[in-house]
PDB file of N, CA and C in Angstrom:
ATOM      1  N   MET A   1      22.368 -28.931  23.343  1.00  0.00           N
ATOM      2  CA  MET A   1      23.231 -29.007  22.176  1.00  0.00           C
ATOM      3  C   MET A   1      23.656 -27.596  21.786  1.00  0.00           C
ATOM      4  N   LYS A   2      24.821 -27.576  21.227  1.00  0.00           N
ATOM      5  CA  LYS A   2      25.321 -26.290  20.783  1.00  0.00           C
ATOM      6  C   LYS A   2      24.689 -25.922  19.447  1.00  0.00           C
ATOM      7  N   LYS A   3      24.673 -24.665  19.196  1.00  0.00           N
ATOM      8  CA  LYS A   3      24.114 -24.133  17.963  1.00  0.00           C
ATOM      9  C   LYS A   3      24.854 -24.699  16.746  1.00  0.00           C
ATOM     10  N   GLU A   4      26.190 -24.810  16.831  1.00  0.00           N
ATOM     11  CA  GLU A   4      26.994 -25.316  15.721  1.00  0.00           C
ATOM     12  C   GLU A   4      26.663 -26.779  15.417  1.00  0.00           C
ATOM     13  N   THR A   5      26.429 -27.568  16.463  1.00  0.00           N
ATOM     14  CA  THR A   5      26.103 -28.979  16.288  1.00  0.00           C
ATOM     15  C   THR A   5      24.773 -29.134  15.568  1.00  0.00           C
ATOM     16  N   ILE A   6      23.808 -28.358  15.953  1.00  0.00           N
ATOM     17  CA  ILE A   6      22.491 -28.411  15.316  1.00  0.00           C
ATOM     18  C   ILE A   6      22.597 -27.996  13.848  1.00  0.00           C
ATOM     19  N   LEU A   7      23.356 -26.947  13.565  1.00  0.00           N
ATOM     20  CA  LEU A   7      23.537 -26.501  12.184  1.00  0.00           C
ATOM     21  C   LEU A   7      24.268 -27.556  11.353  1.00  0.00           C
ATOM     22  N   LEU A   8      25.265 -28.219  11.975  1.00  0.00           N
ATOM     23  CA  LEU A   8      26.002 -29.266  11.279  1.00  0.00           C
ATOM     24  C   LEU A   8      25.088 -30.445  10.954  1.00  0.00           C
ATOM     25  N   LEU A   9      24.243 -30.857  11.897  1.00  0.00           N
ATOM     26  CA  LEU A   9      23.289 -31.944  11.658  1.00  0.00           C
ATOM     27  C   LEU A   9      22.295 -31.572  10.559  1.00  0.00           C
ATOM     28  N   ALA A  10      21.808 -30.339  10.600  1.00  0.00           N
ATOM     29  CA  ALA A  10      20.874 -29.880   9.566  1.00  0.00           C
ATOM     30  C   ALA A  10      21.541 -29.904   8.194  1.00  0.00           C
ATOM     31  N   LEU A  11      22.810 -29.517   8.134  1.00  0.00           N
ATOM     32  CA  LEU A  11      23.549 -29.524   6.877  1.00  0.00           C
ATOM     33  C   LEU A  11      23.718 -30.950   6.355  1.00  0.00           C
ATOM     34  N   LEU A  12      24.075 -31.884   7.243  1.00  0.00           N
ATOM     35  CA  LEU A  12      24.249 -33.286   6.840  1.00  0.00           C
ATOM     36  C   LEU A  12      22.949 -33.895   6.336  1.00  0.00           C
ATOM     37  N   VAL A  13      21.852 -33.616   7.031  1.00  0.00           N
ATOM     38  CA  VAL A  13      20.547 -34.135   6.600  1.00  0.00           C
ATOM     39  C   VAL A  13      20.165 -33.544   5.240  1.00  0.00           C
ATOM     40  N   GLY A  14      20.432 -32.268   5.072  1.00  0.00           N
ATOM     41  CA  GLY A  14      20.130 -31.603   3.800  1.00  0.00           C
ATOM     42  C   GLY A  14      20.938 -32.166   2.652  1.00  0.00           C
ATOM     43  N   VAL A  15      22.230 -32.373   2.862  1.00  0.00           N
ATOM     44  CA  VAL A  15      23.104 -32.918   1.823  1.00  0.00           C
ATOM     45  C   VAL A  15      22.689 -34.353   1.490  1.00  0.00           C
ATOM     46  N   GLY A  16      22.391 -35.139   2.507  1.00  0.00           N
ATOM     47  CA  GLY A  16      21.954 -36.521   2.278  1.00  0.00           C
ATOM     48  C   GLY A  16      20.665 -36.581   1.479  1.00  0.00           C
ATOM     49  N   GLY A  17      19.734 -35.716   1.815  1.00  0.00           N
ATOM     50  CA  GLY A  17      18.474 -35.668   1.075  1.00  0.00           C
ATOM     51  C   GLY A  17      18.679 -35.256  -0.368  1.00  0.00           C
ATOM     52  N   TYR A  18      19.572 -34.302  -0.584  1.00  0.00           N
ATOM     53  CA  TYR A  18      19.861 -33.840  -1.939  1.00  0.00           C
ATOM     54  C   TYR A  18      20.501 -34.952  -2.767  1.00  0.00           C
ATOM     55  N   ARG A  19      21.441 -35.696  -2.179  1.00  0.00           N
ATOM     56  CA  ARG A  19      22.083 -36.808  -2.886  1.00  0.00           C
ATOM     57  C   ARG A  19      21.068 -37.906  -3.222  1.00  0.00           C
ATOM     58  N   ASN A  20      20.191 -38.184  -2.284  1.00  0.00           N
ATOM     59  CA  ASN A  20      19.153 -39.178  -2.528  1.00  0.00           C
ATOM     60  C   ASN A  20      18.251 -38.740  -3.686  1.00  0.00           C
ATOM     61  N   TRP A  21      17.900 -37.464  -3.690  1.00  0.00           N
ATOM     62  CA  TRP A  21      17.061 -36.923  -4.765  1.00  0.00           C
ATOM     63  C   TRP A  21      17.773 -37.044  -6.109  1.00  0.00           C
ATOM     64  N   GLN A  22      19.104 -36.790  -6.139  1.00  0.00           N
ATOM     65  CA  GLN A  22      19.873 -36.920  -7.374  1.00  0.00           C
ATOM     66  C   GLN A  22      19.893 -38.366  -7.863  1.00  0.00           C
ATOM     67  N   ARG A  23      20.067 -39.322  -6.951  1.00  0.00           N
ATOM     68  CA  ARG A  23      20.072 -40.734  -7.324  1.00  0.00           C
ATOM     69  C   ARG A  23      18.734 -41.152  -7.922  1.00  0.00           C
ATOM     70  N   GLN A  24      17.657 -40.709  -7.295  1.00  0.00           N
ATOM     71  CA  GLN A  24      16.332 -41.032  -7.811  1.00  0.00           C
ATOM     72  C   GLN A  24      16.129 -40.459  -9.212  1.00  0.00           C
ATOM     73  N   LYS A  25      16.613 -39.262  -9.420  1.00  0.00           N
ATOM     74  CA  LYS A  25      16.485 -38.612 -10.721  1.00  0.00           C
ATOM     75  C   LYS A  25      17.290 -39.371 -11.781  1.00  0.00           C
ATOM     76  N   GLU A  26      18.477 -39.851 -11.437  1.00  0.00           N
ATOM     77  CA  GLU A  26      19.305 -40.627 -12.356  1.00  0.00           C
ATOM     78  C   GLU A  26      18.635 -41.959 -12.701  1.00  0.00           C
ATOM     79  N   LYS A  27      18.018 -42.588 -11.722  1.00  0.00           N
ATOM     80  CA  LYS A  27      17.313 -43.850 -11.968  1.00  0.00           C
ATOM     81  C   LYS A  27      16.191 -43.640 -12.973  1.00  0.00           C
ATOM     82  N   GLN A  28      15.476 -42.541 -12.842  1.00  0.00           N
ATOM     83  CA  GLN A  28      14.384 -42.260 -13.763  1.00  0.00           C
ATOM     84  C   GLN A  28      14.899 -42.031 -15.172  1.00  0.00           C
ATOM     85  N   LYS A  29      16.071 -41.413 -15.286  1.00  0.00           N
ATOM     86  CA  LYS A  29      16.655 -41.187 -16.601  1.00  0.00           C
ATOM     87  C   LYS A  29      17.102 -42.496 -17.228  1.00  0.00           C
ATOM     88  N   SER A  30      17.612 -43.422 -16.421  1.00  0.00           N
ATOM     89  CA  SER A  30      18.136 -44.670 -16.953  1.00  0.00           C
ATOM     90  C   SER A  30      17.039 -45.634 -17.387  1.00  0.00           C
ATOM     91  N   ILE A  31      15.829 -45.460 -16.895  1.00  0.00           N
ATOM     92  CA  ILE A  31      14.719 -46.319 -17.303  1.00  0.00           C
ATOM     93  C   ILE A  31      14.243 -45.830 -18.668  1.00  0.00           C
ATOM     94  N   PRO A  32      14.381 -46.663 -19.688  1.00  0.00           N
ATOM     95  CA  PRO A  32      13.973 -46.212 -21.014  1.00  0.00           C
ATOM     96  C   PRO A  32      12.450 -46.056 -21.111  1.00  0.00           C
ATOM     97  N   GLU A  33      12.053 -45.089 -21.883  1.00  0.00           N
ATOM     98  CA  GLU A  33      10.630 -44.876 -22.114  1.00  0.00           C
ATOM     99  C   GLU A  33      10.123 -46.010 -22.992  1.00  0.00           C
ATOM    100  N   PRO A  34       8.991 -46.587 -22.674  1.00  0.00           N
ATOM    101  CA  PRO A  34       8.482 -47.648 -23.535  1.00  0.00           C
ATOM    102  C   PRO A  34       8.080 -47.079 -24.893  1.00  0.00           C
ATOM    103  N   GLU A  35       8.408 -47.844 -25.924  1.00  0.00           N
ATOM    104  CA  GLU A  35       8.032 -47.398 -27.256  1.00  0.00           C
ATOM    105  C   GLU A  35       6.542 -47.623 -27.460  1.00  0.00           C
ATOM    106  N   PRO A  36       5.916 -46.705 -28.157  1.00  0.00           N
ATOM    107  CA  PRO A  36       4.487 -46.894 -28.398  1.00  0.00           C
ATOM    108  C   PRO A  36       4.259 -48.151 -29.236  1.00  0.00           C
ATOM    109  N   LEU A  37       3.207 -48.842 -28.939  1.00  0.00           N
ATOM    110  CA  LEU A  37       2.899 -50.061 -29.674  1.00  0.00           C
ATOM    111  C   LEU A  37       2.523 -49.719 -31.103  1.00  0.00           C
ATOM    112  N   GLN A  38       3.008 -50.515 -32.028  1.00  0.00           N
ATOM    113  CA  GLN A  38       2.653 -50.320 -33.416  1.00  0.00           C
ATOM    114  C   GLN A  38       1.389 -51.105 -33.713  1.00  0.00           C
ATOM    115  N   SER A  39       0.589 -50.567 -34.583  1.00  0.00           N
ATOM    116  CA  SER A  39      -0.614 -51.294 -34.984  1.00  0.00           C
ATOM    117  C   SER A  39      -0.237 -52.317 -36.050  1.00  0.00           C
ATOM    118  N   ILE A  40      -1.089 -53.270 -36.239  1.00  0.00           N
ATOM    119  CA  ILE A  40      -0.872 -54.287 -37.266  1.00  0.00           C
ATOM    120  C   ILE A  40      -0.757 -53.609 -38.628  1.00  0.00           C
ATOM    121  N   TYR A  41      -1.582 -52.623 -38.835  1.00  0.00           N
ATOM    122  CA  TYR A  41      -1.596 -51.884 -40.098  1.00  0.00           C
ATOM    123  C   TYR A  41      -0.223 -51.239 -40.357  1.00  0.00           C
ATOM    124  N   GLU A  42       0.356 -50.607 -39.342  1.00  0.00           N
ATOM    125  CA  GLU A  42       1.660 -49.955 -39.495  1.00  0.00           C
ATOM    126  C   GLU A  42       2.763 -50.973 -39.763  1.00  0.00           C
ATOM    127  N   ILE A  43       2.676 -52.127 -39.125  1.00  0.00           N
ATOM    128  CA  ILE A  43       3.663 -53.188 -39.346  1.00  0.00           C
ATOM    129  C   ILE A  43       3.558 -53.695 -40.784  1.00  0.00           C
ATOM    130  N   LEU A  44       2.330 -53.883 -41.261  1.00  0.00           N
ATOM    131  CA  LEU A  44       2.139 -54.337 -42.639  1.00  0.00           C
ATOM    132  C   LEU A  44       2.653 -53.301 -43.641  1.00  0.00           C
ATOM    133  N   LYS A  45       2.470 -52.045 -43.316  1.00  0.00           N
ATOM    134  CA  LYS A  45       2.966 -50.972 -44.179  1.00  0.00           C
ATOM    135  C   LYS A  45       4.499 -51.036 -44.271  1.00  0.00           C
ATOM    136  N   ALA A  46       5.155 -51.284 -43.129  1.00  0.00           N
ATOM    137  CA  ALA A  46       6.613 -51.397 -43.106  1.00  0.00           C
ATOM    138  C   ALA A  46       7.080 -52.629 -43.892  1.00  0.00           C
ATOM    139  N   ILE A  47       6.347 -53.722 -43.763  1.00  0.00           N
ATOM    140  CA  ILE A  47       6.679 -54.943 -44.510  1.00  0.00           C
ATOM    141  C   ILE A  47       6.553 -54.679 -46.000  1.00  0.00           C
ATOM    142  N   GLU A  48       5.536 -53.941 -46.391  1.00  0.00           N
ATOM    143  CA  GLU A  48       5.323 -53.631 -47.808  1.00  0.00           C
ATOM    144  C   GLU A  48       6.517 -52.856 -48.382  1.00  0.00           C
ATOM    145  N   LYS A  49       7.047 -51.927 -47.607  1.00  0.00           N
ATOM    146  CA  LYS A  49       8.189 -51.136 -48.068  1.00  0.00           C
ATOM    147  C   LYS A  49       9.440 -52.004 -48.254  1.00  0.00           C
ATOM    148  N   GLU A  50       9.615 -52.990 -47.370  1.00  0.00           N
ATOM    149  CA  GLU A  50      10.809 -53.829 -47.408  1.00  0.00           C
ATOM    150  C   GLU A  50      10.717 -54.964 -48.421  1.00  0.00           C
ATOM    151  N   ALA A  51       9.513 -55.471 -48.635  1.00  0.00           N
ATOM    152  CA  ALA A  51       9.340 -56.673 -49.441  1.00  0.00           C
ATOM    153  C   ALA A  51       9.574 -56.398 -50.927  1.00  0.00           C
ATOM    154  N   GLU A  52      10.172 -57.391 -51.575  1.00  0.00           N
ATOM    155  CA  GLU A  52      10.430 -57.290 -53.013  1.00  0.00           C
ATOM    156  C   GLU A  52       9.175 -57.623 -53.811  1.00  0.00           C
ATOM    157  N   ASP A  53       8.438 -58.616 -53.339  1.00  0.00           N
ATOM    158  CA  ASP A  53       7.207 -59.013 -54.017  1.00  0.00           C
ATOM    159  C   ASP A  53       6.204 -59.527 -52.998  1.00  0.00           C
ATOM    160  N   SER A  54       5.044 -59.922 -53.495  1.00  0.00           N
ATOM    161  CA  SER A  54       3.956 -60.350 -52.605  1.00  0.00           C
ATOM    162  C   SER A  54       4.311 -61.605 -51.812  1.00  0.00           C
ATOM    163  N   SER A  55       4.951 -62.567 -52.452  1.00  0.00           N
ATOM    164  CA  SER A  55       5.243 -63.824 -51.742  1.00  0.00           C
ATOM    165  C   SER A  55       6.242 -63.597 -50.601  1.00  0.00           C
ATOM    166  N   SER A  56       7.239 -62.750 -50.815  1.00  0.00           N
ATOM    167  CA  SER A  56       8.176 -62.476 -49.725  1.00  0.00           C
ATOM    168  C   SER A  56       7.501 -61.679 -48.617  1.00  0.00           C
ATOM    169  N   ALA A  57       6.560 -60.822 -48.985  1.00  0.00           N
ATOM    170  CA  ALA A  57       5.806 -60.064 -47.980  1.00  0.00           C
ATOM    171  C   ALA A  57       4.949 -61.002 -47.134  1.00  0.00           C
ATOM    172  N   ILE A  58       4.313 -61.949 -47.770  1.00  0.00           N
ATOM    173  CA  ILE A  58       3.454 -62.896 -47.045  1.00  0.00           C
ATOM    174  C   ILE A  58       4.296 -63.745 -46.088  1.00  0.00           C
ATOM    175  N   LYS A  59       5.475 -64.177 -46.544  1.00  0.00           N
ATOM    176  CA  LYS A  59       6.368 -64.941 -45.672  1.00  0.00           C
ATOM    177  C   LYS A  59       6.793 -64.107 -44.463  1.00  0.00           C
ATOM    178  N   LYS A  60       7.064 -62.831 -44.713  1.00  0.00           N
ATOM    179  CA  LYS A  60       7.459 -61.930 -43.612  1.00  0.00           C
ATOM    180  C   LYS A  60       6.304 -61.744 -42.635  1.00  0.00           C
ATOM    181  N   VAL A  61       5.091 -61.610 -43.150  1.00  0.00           N
ATOM    182  CA  VAL A  61       3.899 -61.482 -42.297  1.00  0.00           C
ATOM    183  C   VAL A  61       3.774 -62.717 -41.413  1.00  0.00           C
ATOM    184  N   GLN A  62       3.991 -63.891 -42.017  1.00  0.00           N
ATOM    185  CA  GLN A  62       3.904 -65.137 -41.252  1.00  0.00           C
ATOM    186  C   GLN A  62       4.952 -65.165 -40.147  1.00  0.00           C
ATOM    187  N   GLU A  63       6.172 -64.731 -40.440  1.00  0.00           N
ATOM    188  CA  GLU A  63       7.249 -64.732 -39.450  1.00  0.00           C
ATOM    189  C   GLU A  63       6.984 -63.733 -38.318  1.00  0.00           C
ATOM    190  N   VAL A  64       6.589 -62.524 -38.700  1.00  0.00           N
ATOM    191  CA  VAL A  64       6.408 -61.457 -37.714  1.00  0.00           C
ATOM    192  C   VAL A  64       5.263 -61.759 -36.756  1.00  0.00           C
ATOM    193  N   PHE A  65       4.132 -62.189 -37.307  1.00  0.00           N
ATOM    194  CA  PHE A  65       2.946 -62.418 -36.475  1.00  0.00           C
ATOM    195  C   PHE A  65       2.829 -63.852 -35.969  1.00  0.00           C
ATOM    196  N   LYS A  66       3.750 -64.721 -36.443  1.00  0.00           N
ATOM    197  CA  LYS A  66       3.748 -66.134 -36.022  1.00  0.00           C
ATOM    198  C   LYS A  66       2.374 -66.770 -36.231  1.00  0.00           C
ATOM    199  N   ILE A  67       1.925 -66.715 -37.489  1.00  0.00           N
ATOM    200  CA  ILE A  67       0.616 -67.267 -37.855  1.00  0.00           C
ATOM    201  C   ILE A  67       0.793 -68.258 -38.998  1.00  0.00           C
ATOM    202  N   GLU A  68      -0.259 -69.012 -39.281  1.00  0.00           N
ATOM    203  CA  GLU A  68      -0.250 -69.980 -40.380  1.00  0.00           C
ATOM    204  C   GLU A  68      -0.129 -69.246 -41.713  1.00  0.00           C
ATOM    205  N   MET A  69       0.367 -69.948 -42.723  1.00  0.00           N
ATOM    206  CA  MET A  69       0.572 -69.348 -44.037  1.00  0.00           C
ATOM    207  C   MET A  69      -0.739 -68.855 -44.647  1.00  0.00           C
ATOM    208  N   ASN A  70      -1.821 -69.635 -44.505  1.00  0.00           N
ATOM    209  CA  ASN A  70      -3.091 -69.196 -45.101  1.00  0.00           C
ATOM    210  C   ASN A  70      -3.631 -67.948 -44.394  1.00  0.00           C
ATOM    211  N   ASP A  71      -3.415 -67.814 -43.090  1.00  0.00           N
ATOM    212  CA  ASP A  71      -3.820 -66.606 -42.370  1.00  0.00           C
ATOM    213  C   ASP A  71      -2.950 -65.416 -42.780  1.00  0.00           C
ATOM    214  N   ALA A  72      -1.668 -65.676 -43.001  1.00  0.00           N
ATOM    215  CA  ALA A  72      -0.768 -64.606 -43.450  1.00  0.00           C
ATOM    216  C   ALA A  72      -1.189 -64.121 -44.833  1.00  0.00           C
ATOM    217  N   ASN A  73      -1.547 -65.061 -45.688  1.00  0.00           N
ATOM    218  CA  ASN A  73      -1.995 -64.721 -47.041  1.00  0.00           C
ATOM    219  C   ASN A  73      -3.282 -63.890 -46.992  1.00  0.00           C
ATOM    220  N   LYS A  74      -4.205 -64.314 -46.160  1.00  0.00           N
ATOM    221  CA  LYS A  74      -5.481 -63.608 -46.020  1.00  0.00           C
ATOM    222  C   LYS A  74      -5.264 -62.197 -45.441  1.00  0.00           C
ATOM    223  N   THR A  75      -4.372 -62.095 -44.446  1.00  0.00           N
ATOM    224  CA  THR A  75      -4.064 -60.799 -43.836  1.00  0.00           C
ATOM    225  C   THR A  75      -3.455 -59.862 -44.871  1.00  0.00           C
ATOM    226  N   TRP A  76      -2.533 -60.398 -45.672  1.00  0.00           N
ATOM    227  CA  TRP A  76      -1.886 -59.565 -46.690  1.00  0.00           C
ATOM    228  C   TRP A  76      -2.891 -59.104 -47.750  1.00  0.00           C
ATOM    229  N   GLU A  77      -3.780 -60.003 -48.156  1.00  0.00           N
ATOM    230  CA  GLU A  77      -4.810 -59.631 -49.139  1.00  0.00           C
ATOM    231  C   GLU A  77      -5.720 -58.534 -48.593  1.00  0.00           C
ATOM    232  N   LEU A  78      -6.121 -58.678 -47.341  1.00  0.00           N
ATOM    233  CA  LEU A  78      -6.967 -57.649 -46.731  1.00  0.00           C
ATOM    234  C   LEU A  78      -6.236 -56.315 -46.648  1.00  0.00           C
ATOM    235  N   TYR A  79      -4.950 -56.370 -46.336  1.00  0.00           N
ATOM    236  CA  TYR A  79      -4.163 -55.134 -46.287  1.00  0.00           C
ATOM    237  C   TYR A  79      -4.112 -54.487 -47.671  1.00  0.00           C
ATOM    238  N   GLN A  80      -3.869 -55.292 -48.699  1.00  0.00           N
ATOM    239  CA  GLN A  80      -3.786 -54.762 -50.061  1.00  0.00           C
ATOM    240  C   GLN A  80      -5.112 -54.129 -50.502  1.00  0.00           C
ATOM    241  N   MET A  81      -6.215 -54.717 -50.073  1.00  0.00           N
ATOM    242  CA  MET A  81      -7.529 -54.191 -50.454  1.00  0.00           C
ATOM    243  C   MET A  81      -7.921 -52.956 -49.641  1.00  0.00           C
ATOM    244  N   ASN A  82      -7.318 -52.788 -48.452  1.00  0.00           N
ATOM    245  CA  ASN A  82      -7.734 -51.711 -47.543  1.00  0.00           C
ATOM    246  C   ASN A  82      -6.571 -50.793 -47.154  1.00  0.00           C
ATOM    247  N   LYS A  83      -5.721 -50.463 -48.110  1.00  0.00           N
ATOM    248  CA  LYS A  83      -4.551 -49.621 -47.829  1.00  0.00           C
ATOM    249  C   LYS A  83      -4.940 -48.213 -47.382  1.00  0.00           C
ATOM    250  N   GLU A  84      -6.055 -47.732 -47.837  1.00  0.00           N
ATOM    251  CA  GLU A  84      -6.439 -46.345 -47.575  1.00  0.00           C
ATOM    252  C   GLU A  84      -7.240 -46.175 -46.284  1.00  0.00           C
ATOM    253  N   THR A  85      -7.318 -47.194 -45.493  1.00  0.00           N
ATOM    254  CA  THR A  85      -8.096 -47.131 -44.255  1.00  0.00           C
ATOM    255  C   THR A  85      -7.204 -46.705 -43.085  1.00  0.00           C
ATOM    256  N   THR A  86      -7.803 -46.537 -41.931  1.00  0.00           N
ATOM    257  CA  THR A  86      -7.038 -46.194 -40.727  1.00  0.00           C
ATOM    258  C   THR A  86      -6.637 -47.480 -40.002  1.00  0.00           C
ATOM    259  N   PRO A  87      -5.631 -47.414 -39.123  1.00  0.00           N
ATOM    260  CA  PRO A  87      -5.245 -48.606 -38.360  1.00  0.00           C
ATOM    261  C   PRO A  87      -6.407 -49.199 -37.545  1.00  0.00           C
ATOM    262  N   GLU A  88      -7.230 -48.330 -36.960  1.00  0.00           N
ATOM    263  CA  GLU A  88      -8.365 -48.808 -36.164  1.00  0.00           C
ATOM    264  C   GLU A  88      -9.390 -49.522 -37.044  1.00  0.00           C
ATOM    265  N   ALA A  89      -9.660 -48.944 -38.199  1.00  0.00           N
ATOM    266  CA  ALA A  89     -10.619 -49.563 -39.122  1.00  0.00           C
ATOM    267  C   ALA A  89     -10.068 -50.889 -39.646  1.00  0.00           C
ATOM    268  N   PHE A  90      -8.770 -50.958 -39.881  1.00  0.00           N
ATOM    269  CA  PHE A  90      -8.164 -52.198 -40.345  1.00  0.00           C
ATOM    270  C   PHE A  90      -8.276 -53.284 -39.280  1.00  0.00           C
ATOM    271  N   ASN A  91      -8.117 -52.926 -38.015  1.00  0.00           N
ATOM    272  CA  ASN A  91      -8.303 -53.888 -36.932  1.00  0.00           C
ATOM    273  C   ASN A  91      -9.713 -54.452 -36.955  1.00  0.00           C
ATOM    274  N   GLU A  92     -10.697 -53.597 -37.219  1.00  0.00           N
ATOM    275  CA  GLU A  92     -12.096 -54.050 -37.308  1.00  0.00           C
ATOM    276  C   GLU A  92     -12.277 -55.015 -38.482  1.00  0.00           C
ATOM    277  N   ILE A  93     -11.621 -54.722 -39.595  1.00  0.00           N
ATOM    278  CA  ILE A  93     -11.700 -55.607 -40.768  1.00  0.00           C
ATOM    279  C   ILE A  93     -11.118 -56.976 -40.425  1.00  0.00           C
ATOM    280  N   LEU A  94      -9.992 -56.980 -39.708  1.00  0.00           N
ATOM    281  CA  LEU A  94      -9.393 -58.256 -39.299  1.00  0.00           C
ATOM    282  C   LEU A  94     -10.326 -59.028 -38.369  1.00  0.00           C
ATOM    283  N   LYS A  95     -10.985 -58.309 -37.454  1.00  0.00           N
ATOM    284  CA  LYS A  95     -11.921 -58.968 -36.544  1.00  0.00           C
ATOM    285  C   LYS A  95     -13.098 -59.566 -37.302  1.00  0.00           C
ATOM    286  N   GLN A  96     -13.623 -58.828 -38.271  1.00  0.00           N
ATOM    287  CA  GLN A  96     -14.757 -59.313 -39.066  1.00  0.00           C
ATOM    288  C   GLN A  96     -14.401 -60.545 -39.873  1.00  0.00           C
ATOM    289  N   ASN A  97     -13.134 -60.670 -40.229  1.00  0.00           N
ATOM    290  CA  ASN A  97     -12.683 -61.818 -41.018  1.00  0.00           C
ATOM    291  C   ASN A  97     -12.102 -62.935 -40.159  1.00  0.00           C
ATOM    292  N   GLY A  98     -12.226 -62.806 -38.853  1.00  0.00           N
ATOM    293  CA  GLY A  98     -11.784 -63.860 -37.938  1.00  0.00           C
ATOM    294  C   GLY A  98     -10.280 -63.972 -37.785  1.00  0.00           C
ATOM    295  N   LEU A  99      -9.541 -62.928 -38.120  1.00  0.00           N
ATOM    296  CA  LEU A  99      -8.089 -62.973 -37.997  1.00  0.00           C
ATOM    297  C   LEU A  99      -7.570 -62.298 -36.743  1.00  0.00           C
ATOM    298  N   MET A 100      -8.474 -61.693 -36.000  1.00  0.00           N
ATOM    299  CA  MET A 100      -8.078 -61.001 -34.782  1.00  0.00           C
ATOM    300  C   MET A 100      -9.175 -61.170 -33.736  1.00  0.00           C
ATOM    301  N   ALA A 101      -8.767 -61.411 -32.524  1.00  0.00           N
ATOM    302  CA  ALA A 101      -9.756 -61.627 -31.460  1.00  0.00           C
ATOM    303  C   ALA A 101     -10.315 -60.321 -30.955  1.00  0.00           C
TER     304      ALA A 101
END
């Protein structure tokens, strides 16, 4: 093979590899980063900010978590009593009260 042919093949392989690398990089950019999961405590805090009163908050809790009304009421009461706790500690409180597995 001639020297020019070998250089031309090397150039084509290099360009092809570079284009492939660019495509892979674009694919990674297009994949959205997963949002961090919110804790139950953070969701309840957001509901509290939006809700006009306790009954509308309890209804929202029932809708968001898809639970029975009495469980939503109990969850809201526990949240109201434990506002100053951490999300992890609140999860433990829910487990102790049978509202979370």
